[in-house]
Amino acid sequence: QSDNDITFVKGDPATLTSYSFGDVKHQFC
């Protein structure tokens, strides 16, 4: 429902690799 429902226990989500296609961003390790 909200981004606040996701809490990282380990790792910084800002360091995920991102790949964009159209208006969608896909994030992976």
mmCIF file of all heavy atoms, coordinates in Angstrom:
data_MODEL
# 
_entry.id   MODEL 
# 
loop_
_atom_site.group_PDB 
_atom_site.id 
_atom_site.type_symbol 
_atom_site.label_atom_id 
_atom_site.label_alt_id 
_atom_site.label_comp_id 
_atom_site.label_asym_id 
_atom_site.label_entity_id 
_atom_site.label_seq_id 
_atom_site.pdbx_PDB_ins_code 
_atom_site.Cartn_x 
_atom_site.Cartn_y 
_atom_site.Cartn_z 
_atom_site.occupancy 
_atom_site.B_iso_or_equiv 
_atom_site.pdbx_formal_charge 
_atom_site.auth_seq_id 
_atom_site.auth_comp_id 
_atom_site.auth_asym_id 
_atom_site.auth_atom_id 
_atom_site.pdbx_PDB_model_num 
ATOM 1   N N   . GLN A 1 1  ? 0.817  -1.206 0.000   1.00 0.00 ? 1  GLN A N   1 
ATOM 2   C CA  . GLN A 1 1  ? 0.000  0.000  0.000   1.00 0.00 ? 1  GLN A CA  1 
ATOM 3   C C   . GLN A 1 1  ? 0.850  1.254  0.000   1.00 0.00 ? 1  GLN A C   1 
ATOM 4   O O   . GLN A 1 1  ? 0.462  2.288  -0.539  1.00 0.00 ? 1  GLN A O   1 
ATOM 5   C CB  . GLN A 1 1  ? -0.935 -0.010 1.219   1.00 0.00 ? 1  GLN A CB  1 
ATOM 6   C CG  . GLN A 1 1  ? -1.996 -1.091 1.156   1.00 0.00 ? 1  GLN A CG  1 
ATOM 7   C CD  . GLN A 1 1  ? -2.954 -1.039 2.336   1.00 0.00 ? 1  GLN A CD  1 
ATOM 8   O OE1 . GLN A 1 1  ? -2.781 -0.237 3.264   1.00 0.00 ? 1  GLN A OE1 1 
ATOM 9   N NE2 . GLN A 1 1  ? -3.959 -1.889 2.314   1.00 0.00 ? 1  GLN A NE2 1 
ATOM 10  N N   . SER A 1 2  ? 2.035  1.169  0.613   1.00 0.00 ? 2  SER A N   1 
ATOM 11  C CA  . SER A 1 2  ? 2.889  2.345  0.737   1.00 0.00 ? 2  SER A CA  1 
ATOM 12  C C   . SER A 1 2  ? 4.348  1.895  0.718   1.00 0.00 ? 2  SER A C   1 
ATOM 13  O O   . SER A 1 2  ? 4.678  0.776  1.140   1.00 0.00 ? 2  SER A O   1 
ATOM 14  C CB  . SER A 1 2  ? 2.592  3.081  2.051   1.00 0.00 ? 2  SER A CB  1 
ATOM 15  O OG  . SER A 1 2  ? 3.616  3.998  2.373   1.00 0.00 ? 2  SER A OG  1 
ATOM 16  N N   . ASP A 1 3  ? 5.237  2.789  0.246   1.00 0.00 ? 3  ASP A N   1 
ATOM 17  C CA  . ASP A 1 3  ? 6.669  2.505  0.326   1.00 0.00 ? 3  ASP A CA  1 
ATOM 18  C C   . ASP A 1 3  ? 7.112  2.304  1.768   1.00 0.00 ? 3  ASP A C   1 
ATOM 19  O O   . ASP A 1 3  ? 8.116  1.636  2.038   1.00 0.00 ? 3  ASP A O   1 
ATOM 20  C CB  . ASP A 1 3  ? 7.478  3.645  -0.300  1.00 0.00 ? 3  ASP A CB  1 
ATOM 21  C CG  . ASP A 1 3  ? 7.313  3.713  -1.817  1.00 0.00 ? 3  ASP A CG  1 
ATOM 22  O OD1 . ASP A 1 3  ? 6.729  2.772  -2.398  1.00 0.00 ? 3  ASP A OD1 1 
ATOM 23  O OD2 . ASP A 1 3  ? 7.759  4.708  -2.416  1.00 0.00 ? 3  ASP A OD2 1 
ATOM 24  N N   . ASN A 1 4  ? 6.371  2.901  2.711   1.00 0.00 ? 4  ASN A N   1 
ATOM 25  C CA  . ASN A 1 4  ? 6.710  2.759  4.128   1.00 0.00 ? 4  ASN A CA  1 
ATOM 26  C C   . ASN A 1 4  ? 6.481  1.345  4.643   1.00 0.00 ? 4  ASN A C   1 
ATOM 27  O O   . ASN A 1 4  ? 6.916  1.009  5.751   1.00 0.00 ? 4  ASN A O   1 
ATOM 28  C CB  . ASN A 1 4  ? 5.906  3.751  4.970   1.00 0.00 ? 4  ASN A CB  1 
ATOM 29  C CG  . ASN A 1 4  ? 6.267  5.200  4.681   1.00 0.00 ? 4  ASN A CG  1 
ATOM 30  O OD1 . ASN A 1 4  ? 7.412  5.497  4.326   1.00 0.00 ? 4  ASN A OD1 1 
ATOM 31  N ND2 . ASN A 1 4  ? 5.300  6.095  4.801   1.00 0.00 ? 4  ASN A ND2 1 
ATOM 32  N N   . ASP A 1 5  ? 5.793  0.528  3.847   1.00 0.00 ? 5  ASP A N   1 
ATOM 33  C CA  . ASP A 1 5  ? 5.576  -0.870 4.241   1.00 0.00 ? 5  ASP A CA  1 
ATOM 34  C C   . ASP A 1 5  ? 6.805  -1.736 3.975   1.00 0.00 ? 5  ASP A C   1 
ATOM 35  O O   . ASP A 1 5  ? 6.820  -2.913 4.328   1.00 0.00 ? 5  ASP A O   1 
ATOM 36  C CB  . ASP A 1 5  ? 4.373  -1.449 3.493   1.00 0.00 ? 5  ASP A CB  1 
ATOM 37  C CG  . ASP A 1 5  ? 3.055  -0.893 3.992   1.00 0.00 ? 5  ASP A CG  1 
ATOM 38  O OD1 . ASP A 1 5  ? 2.914  -0.753 5.219   1.00 0.00 ? 5  ASP A OD1 1 
ATOM 39  O OD2 . ASP A 1 5  ? 2.176  -0.593 3.161   1.00 0.00 ? 5  ASP A OD2 1 
ATOM 40  N N   . ILE A 1 6  ? 7.818  -1.170 3.334   1.00 0.00 ? 6  ILE A N   1 
ATOM 41  C CA  . ILE A 1 6  ? 9.047  -1.898 3.028   1.00 0.00 ? 6  ILE A CA  1 
ATOM 42  C C   . ILE A 1 6  ? 10.159 -1.381 3.940   1.00 0.00 ? 6  ILE A C   1 
ATOM 43  O O   . ILE A 1 6  ? 10.434 -0.180 3.981   1.00 0.00 ? 6  ILE A O   1 
ATOM 44  C CB  . ILE A 1 6  ? 9.465  -1.712 1.557   1.00 0.00 ? 6  ILE A CB  1 
ATOM 45  C CG1 . ILE A 1 6  ? 8.360  -2.207 0.624   1.00 0.00 ? 6  ILE A CG1 1 
ATOM 46  C CG2 . ILE A 1 6  ? 10.778 -2.429 1.273   1.00 0.00 ? 6  ILE A CG2 1 
ATOM 47  C CD1 . ILE A 1 6  ? 8.614  -1.903 -0.849  1.00 0.00 ? 6  ILE A CD1 1 
ATOM 48  N N   . THR A 1 7  ? 10.786 -2.286 4.684   1.00 0.00 ? 7  THR A N   1 
ATOM 49  C CA  . THR A 1 7  ? 11.881 -1.925 5.583   1.00 0.00 ? 7  THR A CA  1 
ATOM 50  C C   . THR A 1 7  ? 13.098 -2.783 5.263   1.00 0.00 ? 7  THR A C   1 
ATOM 51  O O   . THR A 1 7  ? 13.029 -4.019 5.318   1.00 0.00 ? 7  THR A O   1 
ATOM 52  C CB  . THR A 1 7  ? 11.485 -2.156 7.055   1.00 0.00 ? 7  THR A CB  1 
ATOM 53  O OG1 . THR A 1 7  ? 10.320 -1.391 7.356   1.00 0.00 ? 7  THR A OG1 1 
ATOM 54  C CG2 . THR A 1 7  ? 12.628 -1.746 7.979   1.00 0.00 ? 7  THR A CG2 1 
ATOM 55  N N   . PHE A 1 8  ? 14.201 -2.148 4.928   1.00 0.00 ? 8  PHE A N   1 
ATOM 56  C CA  . PHE A 1 8  ? 15.418 -2.891 4.634   1.00 0.00 ? 8  PHE A CA  1 
ATOM 57  C C   . PHE A 1 8  ? 16.134 -3.281 5.926   1.00 0.00 ? 8  PHE A C   1 
ATOM 58  O O   . PHE A 1 8  ? 16.371 -2.446 6.796   1.00 0.00 ? 8  PHE A O   1 
ATOM 59  C CB  . PHE A 1 8  ? 16.340 -2.091 3.715   1.00 0.00 ? 8  PHE A CB  1 
ATOM 60  C CG  . PHE A 1 8  ? 16.110 -2.390 2.265   1.00 0.00 ? 8  PHE A CG  1 
ATOM 61  C CD1 . PHE A 1 8  ? 15.020 -1.834 1.605   1.00 0.00 ? 8  PHE A CD1 1 
ATOM 62  C CD2 . PHE A 1 8  ? 16.942 -3.264 1.576   1.00 0.00 ? 8  PHE A CD2 1 
ATOM 63  C CE1 . PHE A 1 8  ? 14.774 -2.134 0.278   1.00 0.00 ? 8  PHE A CE1 1 
ATOM 64  C CE2 . PHE A 1 8  ? 16.715 -3.567 0.252   1.00 0.00 ? 8  PHE A CE2 1 
ATOM 65  C CZ  . PHE A 1 8  ? 15.624 -3.004 -0.413  1.00 0.00 ? 8  PHE A CZ  1 
ATOM 66  N N   . VAL A 1 9  ? 16.451 -4.565 6.013   1.00 0.00 ? 9  VAL A N   1 
ATOM 67  C CA  . VAL A 1 9  ? 17.184 -5.119 7.143   1.00 0.00 ? 9  VAL A CA  1 
ATOM 68  C C   . VAL A 1 9  ? 18.679 -5.095 6.855   1.00 0.00 ? 9  VAL A C   1 
ATOM 69  O O   . VAL A 1 9  ? 19.505 -4.914 7.742   1.00 0.00 ? 9  VAL A O   1 
ATOM 70  C CB  . VAL A 1 9  ? 16.716 -6.571 7.420   1.00 0.00 ? 9  VAL A CB  1 
ATOM 71  C CG1 . VAL A 1 9  ? 17.537 -7.215 8.532   1.00 0.00 ? 9  VAL A CG1 1 
ATOM 72  C CG2 . VAL A 1 9  ? 15.231 -6.606 7.739   1.00 0.00 ? 9  VAL A CG2 1 
ATOM 73  N N   . LYS A 1 10 ? 19.019 -5.269 5.593   1.00 0.00 ? 10 LYS A N   1 
ATOM 74  C CA  . LYS A 1 10 ? 20.423 -5.287 5.177   1.00 0.00 ? 10 LYS A CA  1 
ATOM 75  C C   . LYS A 1 10 ? 20.521 -4.731 3.768   1.00 0.00 ? 10 LYS A C   1 
ATOM 76  O O   . LYS A 1 10 ? 19.683 -5.037 2.909   1.00 0.00 ? 10 LYS A O   1 
ATOM 77  C CB  . LYS A 1 10 ? 20.965 -6.721 5.220   1.00 0.00 ? 10 LYS A CB  1 
ATOM 78  C CG  . LYS A 1 10 ? 22.435 -6.834 4.855   1.00 0.00 ? 10 LYS A CG  1 
ATOM 79  C CD  . LYS A 1 10 ? 22.883 -8.298 4.867   1.00 0.00 ? 10 LYS A CD  1 
ATOM 80  C CE  . LYS A 1 10 ? 24.333 -8.429 4.452   1.00 0.00 ? 10 LYS A CE  1 
ATOM 81  N NZ  . LYS A 1 10 ? 24.751 -9.851 4.337   1.00 0.00 ? 10 LYS A NZ  1 
ATOM 82  N N   . GLY A 1 11 ? 21.541 -3.951 3.503   1.00 0.00 ? 11 GLY A N   1 
ATOM 83  C CA  . GLY A 1 11 ? 21.756 -3.399 2.179   1.00 0.00 ? 11 GLY A CA  1 
ATOM 84  C C   . GLY A 1 11 ? 21.040 -2.068 1.984   1.00 0.00 ? 11 GLY A C   1 
ATOM 85  O O   . GLY A 1 11 ? 19.994 -1.814 2.582   1.00 0.00 ? 11 GLY A O   1 
ATOM 86  N N   . ASP A 1 12 ? 21.600 -1.255 1.143   1.00 0.00 ? 12 ASP A N   1 
ATOM 87  C CA  . ASP A 1 12 ? 21.039 0.058  0.833   1.00 0.00 ? 12 ASP A CA  1 
ATOM 88  C C   . ASP A 1 12 ? 20.315 -0.032 -0.504  1.00 0.00 ? 12 ASP A C   1 
ATOM 89  O O   . ASP A 1 12 ? 20.944 -0.267 -1.539  1.00 0.00 ? 12 ASP A O   1 
ATOM 90  C CB  . ASP A 1 12 ? 22.171 1.080  0.765   1.00 0.00 ? 12 ASP A CB  1 
ATOM 91  C CG  . ASP A 1 12 ? 21.686 2.482  0.436   1.00 0.00 ? 12 ASP A CG  1 
ATOM 92  O OD1 . ASP A 1 12 ? 20.471 2.665  0.200   1.00 0.00 ? 12 ASP A OD1 1 
ATOM 93  O OD2 . ASP A 1 12 ? 22.534 3.402  0.391   1.00 0.00 ? 12 ASP A OD2 1 
ATOM 94  N N   . PRO A 1 13 ? 18.990 0.142  -0.528  1.00 0.00 ? 13 PRO A N   1 
ATOM 95  C CA  . PRO A 1 13 ? 18.263 0.019  -1.795  1.00 0.00 ? 13 PRO A CA  1 
ATOM 96  C C   . PRO A 1 13 ? 18.738 0.997  -2.861  1.00 0.00 ? 13 PRO A C   1 
ATOM 97  O O   . PRO A 1 13 ? 18.558 0.747  -4.055  1.00 0.00 ? 13 PRO A O   1 
ATOM 98  C CB  . PRO A 1 13 ? 16.802 0.279  -1.395  1.00 0.00 ? 13 PRO A CB  1 
ATOM 99  C CG  . PRO A 1 13 ? 16.869 0.996  -0.082  1.00 0.00 ? 13 PRO A CG  1 
ATOM 100 C CD  . PRO A 1 13 ? 18.092 0.473  0.601   1.00 0.00 ? 13 PRO A CD  1 
ATOM 101 N N   . ALA A 1 14 ? 19.373 2.090  -2.445  1.00 0.00 ? 14 ALA A N   1 
ATOM 102 C CA  . ALA A 1 14 ? 19.882 3.059  -3.421  1.00 0.00 ? 14 ALA A CA  1 
ATOM 103 C C   . ALA A 1 14 ? 21.028 2.481  -4.242  1.00 0.00 ? 14 ALA A C   1 
ATOM 104 O O   . ALA A 1 14 ? 21.370 3.024  -5.295  1.00 0.00 ? 14 ALA A O   1 
ATOM 105 C CB  . ALA A 1 14 ? 20.336 4.333  -2.711  1.00 0.00 ? 14 ALA A CB  1 
ATOM 106 N N   . THR A 1 15 ? 21.624 1.381  -3.782  1.00 0.00 ? 15 THR A N   1 
ATOM 107 C CA  . THR A 1 15 ? 22.751 0.781  -4.499  1.00 0.00 ? 15 THR A CA  1 
ATOM 108 C C   . THR A 1 15 ? 22.320 -0.375 -5.405  1.00 0.00 ? 15 THR A C   1 
ATOM 109 O O   . THR A 1 15 ? 23.171 -0.988 -6.063  1.00 0.00 ? 15 THR A O   1 
ATOM 110 C CB  . THR A 1 15 ? 23.822 0.272  -3.517  1.00 0.00 ? 15 THR A CB  1 
ATOM 111 O OG1 . THR A 1 15 ? 23.268 -0.768 -2.695  1.00 0.00 ? 15 THR A OG1 1 
ATOM 112 C CG2 . THR A 1 15 ? 24.315 1.400  -2.630  1.00 0.00 ? 15 THR A CG2 1 
ATOM 113 N N   . LEU A 1 16 ? 21.030 -0.692 -5.459  1.00 0.00 ? 16 LEU A N   1 
ATOM 114 C CA  . LEU A 1 16 ? 20.557 -1.694 -6.410  1.00 0.00 ? 16 LEU A CA  1 
ATOM 115 C C   . LEU A 1 16 ? 20.821 -1.228 -7.837  1.00 0.00 ? 16 LEU A C   1 
ATOM 116 O O   . LEU A 1 16 ? 20.766 -0.030 -8.135  1.00 0.00 ? 16 LEU A O   1 
ATOM 117 C CB  . LEU A 1 16 ? 19.054 -1.931 -6.221  1.00 0.00 ? 16 LEU A CB  1 
ATOM 118 C CG  . LEU A 1 16 ? 18.632 -2.734 -4.996  1.00 0.00 ? 16 LEU A CG  1 
ATOM 119 C CD1 . LEU A 1 16 ? 17.135 -2.560 -4.745  1.00 0.00 ? 16 LEU A CD1 1 
ATOM 120 C CD2 . LEU A 1 16 ? 18.972 -4.215 -5.154  1.00 0.00 ? 16 LEU A CD2 1 
ATOM 121 N N   . THR A 1 17 ? 21.094 -2.153 -8.725  1.00 0.00 ? 17 THR A N   1 
ATOM 122 C CA  . THR A 1 17 ? 21.244 -1.814 -10.137 1.00 0.00 ? 17 THR A CA  1 
ATOM 123 C C   . THR A 1 17 ? 19.855 -1.611 -10.741 1.00 0.00 ? 17 THR A C   1 
ATOM 124 O O   . THR A 1 17 ? 18.943 -2.412 -10.500 1.00 0.00 ? 17 THR A O   1 
ATOM 125 C CB  . THR A 1 17 ? 21.990 -2.923 -10.890 1.00 0.00 ? 17 THR A CB  1 
ATOM 126 O OG1 . THR A 1 17 ? 23.298 -3.044 -10.335 1.00 0.00 ? 17 THR A OG1 1 
ATOM 127 C CG2 . THR A 1 17 ? 22.113 -2.591 -12.372 1.00 0.00 ? 17 THR A CG2 1 
ATOM 128 N N   . SER A 1 18 ? 19.700 -0.560 -11.523 1.00 0.00 ? 18 SER A N   1 
ATOM 129 C CA  . SER A 1 18 ? 18.412 -0.243 -12.140 1.00 0.00 ? 18 SER A CA  1 
ATOM 130 C C   . SER A 1 18 ? 18.507 -0.361 -13.655 1.00 0.00 ? 18 SER A C   1 
ATOM 131 O O   . SER A 1 18 ? 19.515 0.023  -14.259 1.00 0.00 ? 18 SER A O   1 
ATOM 132 C CB  . SER A 1 18 ? 17.967 1.176  -11.773 1.00 0.00 ? 18 SER A CB  1 
ATOM 133 O OG  . SER A 1 18 ? 17.654 1.274  -10.400 1.00 0.00 ? 18 SER A OG  1 
ATOM 134 N N   . TYR A 1 19 ? 17.431 -0.877 -14.233 1.00 0.00 ? 19 TYR A N   1 
ATOM 135 C CA  . TYR A 1 19 ? 17.301 -0.948 -15.696 1.00 0.00 ? 19 TYR A CA  1 
ATOM 136 C C   . TYR A 1 19 ? 15.910 -0.434 -16.041 1.00 0.00 ? 19 TYR A C   1 
ATOM 137 O O   . TYR A 1 19 ? 14.907 -0.924 -15.510 1.00 0.00 ? 19 TYR A O   1 
ATOM 138 C CB  . TYR A 1 19 ? 17.474 -2.383 -16.184 1.00 0.00 ? 19 TYR A CB  1 
ATOM 139 C CG  . TYR A 1 19 ? 17.185 -2.556 -17.663 1.00 0.00 ? 19 TYR A CG  1 
ATOM 140 C CD1 . TYR A 1 19 ? 18.058 -2.054 -18.624 1.00 0.00 ? 19 TYR A CD1 1 
ATOM 141 C CD2 . TYR A 1 19 ? 16.029 -3.207 -18.100 1.00 0.00 ? 19 TYR A CD2 1 
ATOM 142 C CE1 . TYR A 1 19 ? 17.790 -2.204 -19.979 1.00 0.00 ? 19 TYR A CE1 1 
ATOM 143 C CE2 . TYR A 1 19 ? 15.759 -3.368 -19.459 1.00 0.00 ? 19 TYR A CE2 1 
ATOM 144 C CZ  . TYR A 1 19 ? 16.646 -2.860 -20.387 1.00 0.00 ? 19 TYR A CZ  1 
ATOM 145 O OH  . TYR A 1 19 ? 16.376 -3.003 -21.732 1.00 0.00 ? 19 TYR A OH  1 
ATOM 146 N N   . SER A 1 20 ? 15.855 0.567  -16.910 1.00 0.00 ? 20 SER A N   1 
ATOM 147 C CA  . SER A 1 20 ? 14.581 1.181  -17.257 1.00 0.00 ? 20 SER A CA  1 
ATOM 148 C C   . SER A 1 20 ? 14.149 0.787  -18.658 1.00 0.00 ? 20 SER A C   1 
ATOM 149 O O   . SER A 1 20 ? 14.969 0.726  -19.591 1.00 0.00 ? 20 SER A O   1 
ATOM 150 C CB  . SER A 1 20 ? 14.673 2.708  -17.156 1.00 0.00 ? 20 SER A CB  1 
ATOM 151 O OG  . SER A 1 20 ? 14.889 3.109  -15.820 1.00 0.00 ? 20 SER A OG  1 
ATOM 152 N N   . PHE A 1 21 ? 12.856 0.517  -18.776 1.00 0.00 ? 21 PHE A N   1 
ATOM 153 C CA  . PHE A 1 21 ? 12.248 0.236  -20.075 1.00 0.00 ? 21 PHE A CA  1 
ATOM 154 C C   . PHE A 1 21 ? 10.887 0.908  -20.088 1.00 0.00 ? 21 PHE A C   1 
ATOM 155 O O   . PHE A 1 21 ? 10.026 0.609  -19.257 1.00 0.00 ? 21 PHE A O   1 
ATOM 156 C CB  . PHE A 1 21 ? 12.108 -1.277 -20.296 1.00 0.00 ? 21 PHE A CB  1 
ATOM 157 C CG  . PHE A 1 21 ? 11.422 -1.645 -21.584 1.00 0.00 ? 21 PHE A CG  1 
ATOM 158 C CD1 . PHE A 1 21 ? 11.943 -1.252 -22.806 1.00 0.00 ? 21 PHE A CD1 1 
ATOM 159 C CD2 . PHE A 1 21 ? 10.236 -2.376 -21.577 1.00 0.00 ? 21 PHE A CD2 1 
ATOM 160 C CE1 . PHE A 1 21 ? 11.318 -1.583 -23.990 1.00 0.00 ? 21 PHE A CE1 1 
ATOM 161 C CE2 . PHE A 1 21 ? 9.595  -2.716 -22.754 1.00 0.00 ? 21 PHE A CE2 1 
ATOM 162 C CZ  . PHE A 1 21 ? 10.134 -2.318 -23.968 1.00 0.00 ? 21 PHE A CZ  1 
ATOM 163 N N   . GLY A 1 22 ? 10.703 1.840  -21.015 1.00 0.00 ? 22 GLY A N   1 
ATOM 164 C CA  . GLY A 1 22 ? 9.484  2.643  -20.986 1.00 0.00 ? 22 GLY A CA  1 
ATOM 165 C C   . GLY A 1 22 ? 9.470  3.472  -19.711 1.00 0.00 ? 22 GLY A C   1 
ATOM 166 O O   . GLY A 1 22 ? 10.466 4.085  -19.330 1.00 0.00 ? 22 GLY A O   1 
ATOM 167 N N   . ASP A 1 23 ? 8.331  3.471  -19.032 1.00 0.00 ? 23 ASP A N   1 
ATOM 168 C CA  . ASP A 1 23 ? 8.196  4.244  -17.800 1.00 0.00 ? 23 ASP A CA  1 
ATOM 169 C C   . ASP A 1 23 ? 8.451  3.395  -16.564 1.00 0.00 ? 23 ASP A C   1 
ATOM 170 O O   . ASP A 1 23 ? 8.146  3.830  -15.443 1.00 0.00 ? 23 ASP A O   1 
ATOM 171 C CB  . ASP A 1 23 ? 6.785  4.848  -17.717 1.00 0.00 ? 23 ASP A CB  1 
ATOM 172 C CG  . ASP A 1 23 ? 6.511  5.844  -18.839 1.00 0.00 ? 23 ASP A CG  1 
ATOM 173 O OD1 . ASP A 1 23 ? 7.471  6.517  -19.260 1.00 0.00 ? 23 ASP A OD1 1 
ATOM 174 O OD2 . ASP A 1 23 ? 5.347  5.928  -19.291 1.00 0.00 ? 23 ASP A OD2 1 
ATOM 175 N N   . VAL A 1 24 ? 8.986  2.201  -16.743 1.00 0.00 ? 24 VAL A N   1 
ATOM 176 C CA  . VAL A 1 24 ? 9.149  1.270  -15.628 1.00 0.00 ? 24 VAL A CA  1 
ATOM 177 C C   . VAL A 1 24 ? 10.630 1.082  -15.321 1.00 0.00 ? 24 VAL A C   1 
ATOM 178 O O   . VAL A 1 24 ? 11.454 0.901  -16.223 1.00 0.00 ? 24 VAL A O   1 
ATOM 179 C CB  . VAL A 1 24 ? 8.499  -0.094 -15.932 1.00 0.00 ? 24 VAL A CB  1 
ATOM 180 C CG1 . VAL A 1 24 ? 8.662  -1.049 -14.752 1.00 0.00 ? 24 VAL A CG1 1 
ATOM 181 C CG2 . VAL A 1 24 ? 7.017  0.087  -16.268 1.00 0.00 ? 24 VAL A CG2 1 
ATOM 182 N N   . LYS A 1 25 ? 10.940 1.104  -14.031 1.00 0.00 ? 25 LYS A N   1 
ATOM 183 C CA  . LYS A 1 25 ? 12.302 0.849  -13.565 1.00 0.00 ? 25 LYS A CA  1 
ATOM 184 C C   . LYS A 1 25 ? 12.333 -0.516 -12.890 1.00 0.00 ? 25 LYS A C   1 
ATOM 185 O O   . LYS A 1 25 ? 11.481 -0.833 -12.048 1.00 0.00 ? 25 LYS A O   1 
ATOM 186 C CB  . LYS A 1 25 ? 12.743 1.946  -12.594 1.00 0.00 ? 25 LYS A CB  1 
ATOM 187 C CG  . LYS A 1 25 ? 14.154 1.777  -12.054 1.00 0.00 ? 25 LYS A CG  1 
ATOM 188 C CD  . LYS A 1 25 ? 14.605 3.016  -11.295 1.00 0.00 ? 25 LYS A CD  1 
ATOM 189 C CE  . LYS A 1 25 ? 13.793 3.257  -10.044 1.00 0.00 ? 25 LYS A CE  1 
ATOM 190 N NZ  . LYS A 1 25 ? 14.327 4.387  -9.244  1.00 0.00 ? 25 LYS A NZ  1 
ATOM 191 N N   . HIS A 1 26 ? 13.316 -1.325 -13.260 1.00 0.00 ? 26 HIS A N   1 
ATOM 192 C CA  . HIS A 1 26 ? 13.486 -2.652 -12.686 1.00 0.00 ? 26 HIS A CA  1 
ATOM 193 C C   . HIS A 1 26 ? 14.777 -2.663 -11.889 1.00 0.00 ? 26 HIS A C   1 
ATOM 194 O O   . HIS A 1 26 ? 15.831 -2.225 -12.378 1.00 0.00 ? 26 HIS A O   1 
ATOM 195 C CB  . HIS A 1 26 ? 13.532 -3.707 -13.789 1.00 0.00 ? 26 HIS A CB  1 
ATOM 196 C CG  . HIS A 1 26 ? 12.368 -3.646 -14.730 1.00 0.00 ? 26 HIS A CG  1 
ATOM 197 N ND1 . HIS A 1 26 ? 11.149 -4.239 -14.460 1.00 0.00 ? 26 HIS A ND1 1 
ATOM 198 C CD2 . HIS A 1 26 ? 12.219 -3.031 -15.935 1.00 0.00 ? 26 HIS A CD2 1 
ATOM 199 C CE1 . HIS A 1 26 ? 10.310 -4.011 -15.452 1.00 0.00 ? 26 HIS A CE1 1 
ATOM 200 N NE2 . HIS A 1 26 ? 10.934 -3.277 -16.364 1.00 0.00 ? 26 HIS A NE2 1 
ATOM 201 N N   . GLN A 1 27 ? 14.728 -3.179 -10.658 1.00 0.00 ? 27 GLN A N   1 
ATOM 202 C CA  . GLN A 1 27 ? 15.878 -3.121 -9.766  1.00 0.00 ? 27 GLN A CA  1 
ATOM 203 C C   . GLN A 1 27 ? 16.308 -4.529 -9.358  1.00 0.00 ? 27 GLN A C   1 
ATOM 204 O O   . GLN A 1 27 ? 15.479 -5.358 -8.973  1.00 0.00 ? 27 GLN A O   1 
ATOM 205 C CB  . GLN A 1 27 ? 15.542 -2.292 -8.534  1.00 0.00 ? 27 GLN A CB  1 
ATOM 206 C CG  . GLN A 1 27 ? 15.245 -0.828 -8.862  1.00 0.00 ? 27 GLN A CG  1 
ATOM 207 C CD  . GLN A 1 27 ? 14.884 -0.032 -7.643  1.00 0.00 ? 27 GLN A CD  1 
ATOM 208 O OE1 . GLN A 1 27 ? 13.956 -0.359 -6.917  1.00 0.00 ? 27 GLN A OE1 1 
ATOM 209 N NE2 . GLN A 1 27 ? 15.622 1.051  -7.400  1.00 0.00 ? 27 GLN A NE2 1 
ATOM 210 N N   . PHE A 1 28 ? 17.629 -4.779 -9.426  1.00 0.00 ? 28 PHE A N   1 
ATOM 211 C CA  . PHE A 1 28 ? 18.146 -6.108 -9.124  1.00 0.00 ? 28 PHE A CA  1 
ATOM 212 C C   . PHE A 1 28 ? 19.505 -6.013 -8.450  1.00 0.00 ? 28 PHE A C   1 
ATOM 213 O O   . PHE A 1 28 ? 20.176 -4.967 -8.500  1.00 0.00 ? 28 PHE A O   1 
ATOM 214 C CB  . PHE A 1 28 ? 18.229 -6.958 -10.399 1.00 0.00 ? 28 PHE A CB  1 
ATOM 215 C CG  . PHE A 1 28 ? 19.156 -6.438 -11.466 1.00 0.00 ? 28 PHE A CG  1 
ATOM 216 C CD1 . PHE A 1 28 ? 20.476 -6.854 -11.544 1.00 0.00 ? 28 PHE A CD1 1 
ATOM 217 C CD2 . PHE A 1 28 ? 18.708 -5.512 -12.413 1.00 0.00 ? 28 PHE A CD2 1 
ATOM 218 C CE1 . PHE A 1 28 ? 21.335 -6.372 -12.535 1.00 0.00 ? 28 PHE A CE1 1 
ATOM 219 C CE2 . PHE A 1 28 ? 19.555 -5.020 -13.404 1.00 0.00 ? 28 PHE A CE2 1 
ATOM 220 C CZ  . PHE A 1 28 ? 20.872 -5.451 -13.456 1.00 0.00 ? 28 PHE A CZ  1 
ATOM 221 N N   . CYS A 1 29 ? 19.921 -7.115 -7.831  1.00 0.00 ? 29 CYS A N   1 
ATOM 222 C CA  . CYS A 1 29 ? 21.226 -7.191 -7.190  1.00 0.00 ? 29 CYS A CA  1 
ATOM 223 C C   . CYS A 1 29 ? 22.292 -7.417 -8.257  1.00 0.00 ? 29 CYS A C   1 
ATOM 224 O O   . CYS A 1 29 ? 22.205 -8.365 -9.041  1.00 0.00 ? 29 CYS A O   1 
ATOM 225 C CB  . CYS A 1 29 ? 21.248 -8.320 -6.162  1.00 0.00 ? 29 CYS A CB  1 
ATOM 226 S SG  . CYS A 1 29 ? 22.884 -8.636 -5.472  1.00 0.00 ? 29 CYS A SG  1 
# 
